[in-house]
Amino acid sequence: MKSQDVFLLLKLVALGRHEGTGSGYDYPADDQSVAWSRDIEGGEPVDDPGAGEAPFGRYSARGLARLTGIGKSEVSNVMSRCFFSGLARPGRKGEPPAVNTRALLEFLVYGIRYVFPVRMQETTRGIATCLTAPIFQGKLHSGDAVPVWPYAKGNAAGPAVAPLYKTVPMAVIHDAELYAMLAAVDSIRLGLPRERSLAIAELEKLLRG
């Protein structure tokens, strides 16, 4: 598993919540072999990701690359790994890929802080993350420090936290659901026990609806 796998899975969950496509499920995958399209032409998120596309076009390899900034064939590699591990399954009859939300939540709660640990670094400008992200409206605020993902156009300043993937700051600008999930994940990666408990509760709501 790589950090971009988690990033892309959370984007799939967010898309499903936006569009009501039912792209999540909470039982083991029963078909993990798939041929995934390799027709993407890389790139970073556009100003309005997915604008003008049919909903399922966003779930294509090309569409997911545009929405996340994960380059070219790496989207295909991510999906292949997730299908193999059971964290996702291929869509059926033209449906988008489905995320195993139960398994993903289990990994995020118990494993991610060991597999992808993170430490706060020097103060910089960026986008607020962890419990201080504005998406939580102060409910999870803990102290004065505002951890941020480094981003030159961000409107917050605080100790830097490396995002799960380099394009996270650009991808969350247009997706509040994705922003909330990634900020909660960072709280689990960084937080003390009380902070982690609050973040886990919020993340479970977001993943399981």
Foldseek 3Di string as FASTA:
>chain_A
DALVLLLLLLVQLLLCVVPVLQQADADFDDALDDDADQPAAAAEADPAQPPPHDSCVCLHLNNSRNLQRPTGCVSVVSSSVCSVVRQWHCDPPSGHIHGNLNVSLVCLQPPCLPVPAKDWADKAAAAFAAQPHCLVVNPLDDDDFTEHDHDPPHDDIGTYIHFSDPRVRVNCPNGVLSRLLSRLSVCSNDHDPVSVVVSSVVNCVSSVD
